[in-house]
């Protein structure tokens, strides 16, 4: 129990630290951030339940007003803006990423973590994000999907980095890879 709490808190902090990159916001209000890689890492390393819990802890801190999102944003207002769908999708993205890494054991870990990060951290996350953008910006789903396509190449790089870091952690400290415990 104590180990789980510390891992969840650690990954909530990792997600926060990845938001410290200089703010770069695109014209339609969605910032470019490394925090989505933190979501992928939380799922791949902690597993489905712990990874989703780490994201929930992070989002609770944001809701309480801590400026932990990219560009120093925080507070309840971020949950009704153009990024609201992405924020909601972070929980599902970490869960799906972790679930795939937990269950798919027949392939090399790097491949599994990479594919899981693409499915959870891109496909699932974008599904939530596009719907949220369409609702907030009063645009169609296809138009909203078109707006976020610019993020796909960077998110594929984040998925590859997540796979490499997951494999490195598994080699260095196999007991720390809770998704495979």
C-alpha atoms as a PDB file:
ATOM      1  CA  UNK A   1       0.000   0.000   0.000  1.00  0.00           C
ATOM      2  CA  UNK A   2       2.727   2.452   1.013  1.00  0.00           C
ATOM      3  CA  UNK A   3       4.698   1.640  -2.131  1.00  0.00           C
ATOM      4  CA  UNK A   4       1.611   2.218  -4.298  1.00  0.00           C
ATOM      5  CA  UNK A   5       0.961   5.631  -2.740  1.00  0.00           C
ATOM      6  CA  UNK A   6       4.544   6.726  -3.316  1.00  0.00           C
ATOM      7  CA  UNK A   7       4.524   5.522  -6.933  1.00  0.00           C
ATOM      8  CA  UNK A   8       1.222   7.298  -7.629  1.00  0.00           C
ATOM      9  CA  UNK A   9       2.538  10.514  -6.052  1.00  0.00           C
ATOM     10  CA  UNK A  10       5.820  10.208  -7.952  1.00  0.00           C
ATOM     11  CA  UNK A  11       4.055   9.928 -11.294  1.00  0.00           C
ATOM     12  CA  UNK A  12       1.699  12.797 -10.481  1.00  0.00           C
ATOM     13  CA  UNK A  13       4.885  14.817  -9.915  1.00  0.00           C
ATOM     14  CA  UNK A  14       6.429  13.557 -13.178  1.00  0.00           C
ATOM     15  CA  UNK A  15       3.350  14.729 -15.076  1.00  0.00           C
ATOM     16  CA  UNK A  16       3.625  18.122 -13.366  1.00  0.00           C
ATOM     17  CA  UNK A  17       7.344  18.474 -14.161  1.00  0.00           C
ATOM     18  CA  UNK A  18       6.703  17.682 -17.823  1.00  0.00           C
ATOM     19  CA  UNK A  19       4.453  20.755 -17.897  1.00  0.00           C
ATOM     20  CA  UNK A  20       7.354  23.062 -17.075  1.00  0.00           C
ATOM     21  CA  UNK A  21       8.449  23.265 -20.687  1.00  0.00           C
ATOM     22  CA  UNK A  22       7.997  26.739 -22.178  1.00  0.00           C
ATOM     23  CA  UNK A  23       4.397  27.369 -23.167  1.00  0.00           C
ATOM     24  CA  UNK A  24       3.618  26.993 -26.857  1.00  0.00           C
ATOM     25  CA  UNK A  25      -0.092  27.335 -27.569  1.00  0.00           C
ATOM     26  CA  UNK A  26      -1.551  26.876 -31.022  1.00  0.00           C
ATOM     27  CA  UNK A  27      -4.095  29.310 -32.450  1.00  0.00           C
ATOM     28  CA  UNK A  28      -7.106  27.229 -31.372  1.00  0.00           C
ATOM     29  CA  UNK A  29      -6.120  27.109 -27.693  1.00  0.00           C
ATOM     30  CA  UNK A  30      -4.408  23.716 -27.342  1.00  0.00           C
ATOM     31  CA  UNK A  31      -0.861  23.885 -25.899  1.00  0.00           C
ATOM     32  CA  UNK A  32       2.002  21.718 -27.067  1.00  0.00           C
ATOM     33  CA  UNK A  33       3.134  19.865 -23.958  1.00  0.00           C
ATOM     34  CA  UNK A  34       5.223  16.906 -22.844  1.00  0.00           C
ATOM     35  CA  UNK A  35       2.625  16.069 -20.200  1.00  0.00           C
ATOM     36  CA  UNK A  36       0.922  13.564 -22.478  1.00  0.00           C
ATOM     37  CA  UNK A  37       4.151  11.548 -22.330  1.00  0.00           C
ATOM     38  CA  UNK A  38       3.785  11.527 -18.540  1.00  0.00           C
ATOM     39  CA  UNK A  39       0.352   9.991 -19.023  1.00  0.00           C
ATOM     40  CA  UNK A  40       1.811   7.306 -21.292  1.00  0.00           C
ATOM     41  CA  UNK A  41       4.605   6.623 -18.795  1.00  0.00           C
ATOM     42  CA  UNK A  42       2.197   6.399 -15.859  1.00  0.00           C
ATOM     43  CA  UNK A  43       0.178   3.718 -17.624  1.00  0.00           C
ATOM     44  CA  UNK A  44       3.143   1.798 -19.050  1.00  0.00           C
ATOM     45  CA  UNK A  45       5.093   1.718 -15.788  1.00  0.00           C
ATOM     46  CA  UNK A  46       2.441   1.727 -13.072  1.00  0.00           C
ATOM     47  CA  UNK A  47      -0.241  -0.258 -14.875  1.00  0.00           C
ATOM     48  CA  UNK A  48      -3.877   0.545 -15.550  1.00  0.00           C
ATOM     49  CA  UNK A  49      -5.273   1.291 -12.088  1.00  0.00           C
ATOM     50  CA  UNK A  50      -2.228   2.959 -10.539  1.00  0.00           C
ATOM     51  CA  UNK A  51      -1.505   4.950 -13.698  1.00  0.00           C
ATOM     52  CA  UNK A  52      -5.081   6.258 -13.863  1.00  0.00           C
ATOM     53  CA  UNK A  53      -4.929   7.058 -10.145  1.00  0.00           C
ATOM     54  CA  UNK A  54      -1.719   9.082 -10.630  1.00  0.00           C
ATOM     55  CA  UNK A  55      -3.485  11.111 -13.318  1.00  0.00           C
ATOM     56  CA  UNK A  56      -6.519  11.623 -11.072  1.00  0.00           C
ATOM     57  CA  UNK A  57      -4.270  12.901  -8.269  1.00  0.00           C
ATOM     58  CA  UNK A  58      -2.608  15.287 -10.707  1.00  0.00           C
ATOM     59  CA  UNK A  59      -5.963  16.548 -12.011  1.00  0.00           C
ATOM     60  CA  UNK A  60      -7.231  17.036  -8.453  1.00  0.00           C
ATOM     61  CA  UNK A  61      -4.215  19.253  -7.735  1.00  0.00           C
ATOM     62  CA  UNK A  62      -4.937  21.212 -10.925  1.00  0.00           C
ATOM     63  CA  UNK A  63      -8.603  21.595  -9.933  1.00  0.00           C
ATOM     64  CA  UNK A  64      -7.515  22.927  -6.545  1.00  0.00           C
ATOM     65  CA  UNK A  65      -5.739  25.725  -8.397  1.00  0.00           C
ATOM     66  CA  UNK A  66      -2.132  24.591  -8.551  1.00  0.00           C
ATOM     67  CA  UNK A  67      -0.590  25.893 -11.792  1.00  0.00           C
ATOM     68  CA  UNK A  68       0.671  22.490 -12.937  1.00  0.00           C
ATOM     69  CA  UNK A  69      -0.506  22.417 -16.533  1.00  0.00           C
ATOM     70  CA  UNK A  70       1.674  23.583 -19.410  1.00  0.00           C
ATOM     71  CA  UNK A  71       2.176  27.321 -19.222  1.00  0.00           C
ATOM     72  CA  UNK A  72       1.346  27.462 -15.506  1.00  0.00           C
ATOM     73  CA  UNK A  73      -2.379  26.910 -15.870  1.00  0.00           C
ATOM     74  CA  UNK A  74      -4.583  25.500 -13.147  1.00  0.00           C
ATOM     75  CA  UNK A  75      -7.959  25.895 -11.482  1.00  0.00           C
ATOM     76  CA  UNK A  76     -11.442  24.790 -12.433  1.00  0.00           C
ATOM     77  CA  UNK A  77     -11.517  26.971 -15.550  1.00  0.00           C
ATOM     78  CA  UNK A  78      -9.236  24.604 -17.455  1.00  0.00           C
ATOM     79  CA  UNK A  79     -11.941  21.940 -17.216  1.00  0.00           C
ATOM     80  CA  UNK A  80     -14.330  23.976 -19.362  1.00  0.00           C
ATOM     81  CA  UNK A  81     -11.865  25.247 -21.984  1.00  0.00           C
ATOM     82  CA  UNK A  82     -10.684  23.747 -25.288  1.00  0.00           C
ATOM     83  CA  UNK A  83      -8.401  21.282 -23.450  1.00  0.00           C
ATOM     84  CA  UNK A  84     -11.169  19.873 -21.209  1.00  0.00           C
ATOM     85  CA  UNK A  85     -11.639  16.780 -23.355  1.00  0.00           C
ATOM     86  CA  UNK A  86      -7.929  16.060 -23.322  1.00  0.00           C
ATOM     87  CA  UNK A  87      -7.772  16.427 -19.540  1.00  0.00           C
ATOM     88  CA  UNK A  88     -10.679  14.018 -19.115  1.00  0.00           C
ATOM     89  CA  UNK A  89      -9.051  11.686 -21.618  1.00  0.00           C
ATOM     90  CA  UNK A  90      -5.813  11.557 -19.663  1.00  0.00           C
ATOM     91  CA  UNK A  91      -7.354   9.188 -17.122  1.00  0.00           C
ATOM     92  CA  UNK A  92      -8.661   6.833 -19.796  1.00  0.00           C
ATOM     93  CA  UNK A  93      -5.391   7.100 -21.754  1.00  0.00           C
ATOM     94  CA  UNK A  94      -3.279   6.046 -18.762  1.00  0.00           C
ATOM     95  CA  UNK A  95      -5.706   3.236 -17.950  1.00  0.00           C
ATOM     96  CA  UNK A  96      -5.767   1.826 -21.494  1.00  0.00           C
ATOM     97  CA  UNK A  97      -1.992   2.147 -21.890  1.00  0.00           C
ATOM     98  CA  UNK A  98      -1.455   0.314 -18.610  1.00  0.00           C
ATOM     99  CA  UNK A  99      -4.036  -2.356 -19.380  1.00  0.00           C
ATOM    100  CA  UNK A 100      -2.345  -3.222 -22.665  1.00  0.00           C
ATOM    101  CA  UNK A 101       1.105  -3.430 -21.030  1.00  0.00           C
ATOM    102  CA  UNK A 102      -0.314  -5.587 -18.226  1.00  0.00           C
ATOM    103  CA  UNK A 103      -2.118  -8.039 -20.479  1.00  0.00           C
ATOM    104  CA  UNK A 104       0.023  -8.306 -23.627  1.00  0.00           C
ATOM    105  CA  UNK A 105       2.999 -10.364 -22.514  1.00  0.00           C
ATOM    106  CA  UNK A 106       3.722 -12.362 -25.656  1.00  0.00           C
ATOM    107  CA  UNK A 107       5.722  -9.616 -27.400  1.00  0.00           C
ATOM    108  CA  UNK A 108       8.870  -7.709 -26.401  1.00  0.00           C
ATOM    109  CA  UNK A 109       8.225  -5.039 -23.777  1.00  0.00           C
ATOM    110  CA  UNK A 110       9.447  -2.183 -25.984  1.00  0.00           C
ATOM    111  CA  UNK A 111       6.977  -3.074 -28.724  1.00  0.00           C
ATOM    112  CA  UNK A 112       4.157  -3.525 -26.215  1.00  0.00           C
ATOM    113  CA  UNK A 113       4.852  -0.222 -24.447  1.00  0.00           C
ATOM    114  CA  UNK A 114       5.106   1.606 -27.784  1.00  0.00           C
ATOM    115  CA  UNK A 115       1.879   0.167 -29.179  1.00  0.00           C
ATOM    116  CA  UNK A 116       0.104   0.686 -25.845  1.00  0.00           C
ATOM    117  CA  UNK A 117       1.234   4.317 -25.798  1.00  0.00           C
ATOM    118  CA  UNK A 118      -0.059   4.868 -29.327  1.00  0.00           C
ATOM    119  CA  UNK A 119      -3.416   3.224 -28.617  1.00  0.00           C
ATOM    120  CA  UNK A 120      -3.938   4.708 -25.150  1.00  0.00           C
ATOM    121  CA  UNK A 121      -1.924   7.901 -25.311  1.00  0.00           C
ATOM    122  CA  UNK A 122      -2.914   8.935 -28.823  1.00  0.00           C
ATOM    123  CA  UNK A 123      -6.048   7.149 -30.089  1.00  0.00           C
ATOM    124  CA  UNK A 124      -7.987   7.123 -26.803  1.00  0.00           C
ATOM    125  CA  UNK A 125      -6.718  10.542 -25.752  1.00  0.00           C
ATOM    126  CA  UNK A 126      -7.586  12.132 -29.103  1.00  0.00           C
ATOM    127  CA  UNK A 127     -11.067  10.604 -29.028  1.00  0.00           C
ATOM    128  CA  UNK A 128     -11.790  12.475 -25.790  1.00  0.00           C
ATOM    129  CA  UNK A 129      -9.919  15.598 -26.892  1.00  0.00           C
ATOM    130  CA  UNK A 130     -11.639  15.923 -30.267  1.00  0.00           C
ATOM    131  CA  UNK A 131     -15.096  15.553 -28.736  1.00  0.00           C
ATOM    132  CA  UNK A 132     -14.214  18.135 -26.070  1.00  0.00           C
ATOM    133  CA  UNK A 133     -12.883  20.576 -28.646  1.00  0.00           C
ATOM    134  CA  UNK A 134     -15.937  20.138 -30.842  1.00  0.00           C
ATOM    135  CA  UNK A 135     -18.230  20.917 -27.914  1.00  0.00           C
ATOM    136  CA  UNK A 136     -16.272  23.879 -26.539  1.00  0.00           C
ATOM    137  CA  UNK A 137     -15.328  25.445 -29.876  1.00  0.00           C
ATOM    138  CA  UNK A 138     -18.721  24.710 -31.488  1.00  0.00           C
ATOM    139  CA  UNK A 139     -17.133  22.911 -34.426  1.00  0.00           C
ATOM    140  CA  UNK A 140     -17.794  19.587 -36.079  1.00  0.00           C
ATOM    141  CA  UNK A 141     -15.963  16.420 -35.092  1.00  0.00           C
ATOM    142  CA  UNK A 142     -14.105  16.239 -38.413  1.00  0.00           C
ATOM    143  CA  UNK A 143     -13.002  19.866 -38.197  1.00  0.00           C
ATOM    144  CA  UNK A 144     -11.846  19.367 -34.597  1.00  0.00           C
ATOM    145  CA  UNK A 145     -10.014  16.191 -35.577  1.00  0.00           C
ATOM    146  CA  UNK A 146      -8.291  18.118 -38.359  1.00  0.00           C
ATOM    147  CA  UNK A 147      -7.103  20.724 -35.874  1.00  0.00           C
ATOM    148  CA  UNK A 148      -5.283  18.183 -33.714  1.00  0.00           C
ATOM    149  CA  UNK A 149      -3.550  16.284 -36.523  1.00  0.00           C
ATOM    150  CA  UNK A 150      -0.569  18.596 -36.090  1.00  0.00           C
ATOM    151  CA  UNK A 151       0.115  16.905 -32.733  1.00  0.00           C
ATOM    152  CA  UNK A 152       0.326  13.335 -34.073  1.00  0.00           C
ATOM    153  CA  UNK A 153       4.022  13.294 -35.125  1.00  0.00           C
ATOM    154  CA  UNK A 154       5.144  14.666 -31.746  1.00  0.00           C
ATOM    155  CA  UNK A 155       2.937  12.205 -29.895  1.00  0.00           C
ATOM    156  CA  UNK A 156       4.402   9.307 -31.873  1.00  0.00           C
ATOM    157  CA  UNK A 157       7.859  10.473 -30.741  1.00  0.00           C
ATOM    158  CA  UNK A 158       6.550  10.593 -27.136  1.00  0.00           C
ATOM    159  CA  UNK A 159       5.250   7.022 -27.517  1.00  0.00           C
ATOM    160  CA  UNK A 160       8.684   5.881 -28.735  1.00  0.00           C
ATOM    161  CA  UNK A 161      10.408   7.641 -25.826  1.00  0.00           C
ATOM    162  CA  UNK A 162       7.924   6.031 -23.436  1.00  0.00           C
ATOM    163  CA  UNK A 163       8.739   2.598 -24.861  1.00  0.00           C
ATOM    164  CA  UNK A 164      12.483   3.209 -24.513  1.00  0.00           C
ATOM    165  CA  UNK A 165      12.172   4.497 -20.940  1.00  0.00           C
ATOM    166  CA  UNK A 166       9.934   1.584 -19.962  1.00  0.00           C
ATOM    167  CA  UNK A 167      12.445  -0.940 -21.318  1.00  0.00           C
ATOM    168  CA  UNK A 168      15.322   0.895 -19.606  1.00  0.00           C
ATOM    169  CA  UNK A 169      13.502   0.852 -16.270  1.00  0.00           C
ATOM    170  CA  UNK A 170      12.660  -2.841 -16.688  1.00  0.00           C
ATOM    171  CA  UNK A 171      16.335  -3.615 -17.240  1.00  0.00           C
ATOM    172  CA  UNK A 172      17.651  -1.405 -14.440  1.00  0.00           C
ATOM    173  CA  UNK A 173      14.974  -2.064 -11.802  1.00  0.00           C
ATOM    174  CA  UNK A 174      12.569  -4.808 -12.914  1.00  0.00           C
ATOM    175  CA  UNK A 175      10.668  -4.682  -9.620  1.00  0.00           C
ATOM    176  CA  UNK A 176       9.734  -1.034 -10.327  1.00  0.00           C
ATOM    177  CA  UNK A 177       7.762  -1.941 -13.437  1.00  0.00           C
ATOM    178  CA  UNK A 178       4.464  -2.425 -11.629  1.00  0.00           C
ATOM    179  CA  UNK A 179       2.553  -2.966 -14.867  1.00  0.00           C
ATOM    180  CA  UNK A 180       4.317  -6.306 -15.179  1.00  0.00           C
ATOM    181  CA  UNK A 181       4.397  -7.267 -11.490  1.00  0.00           C
END
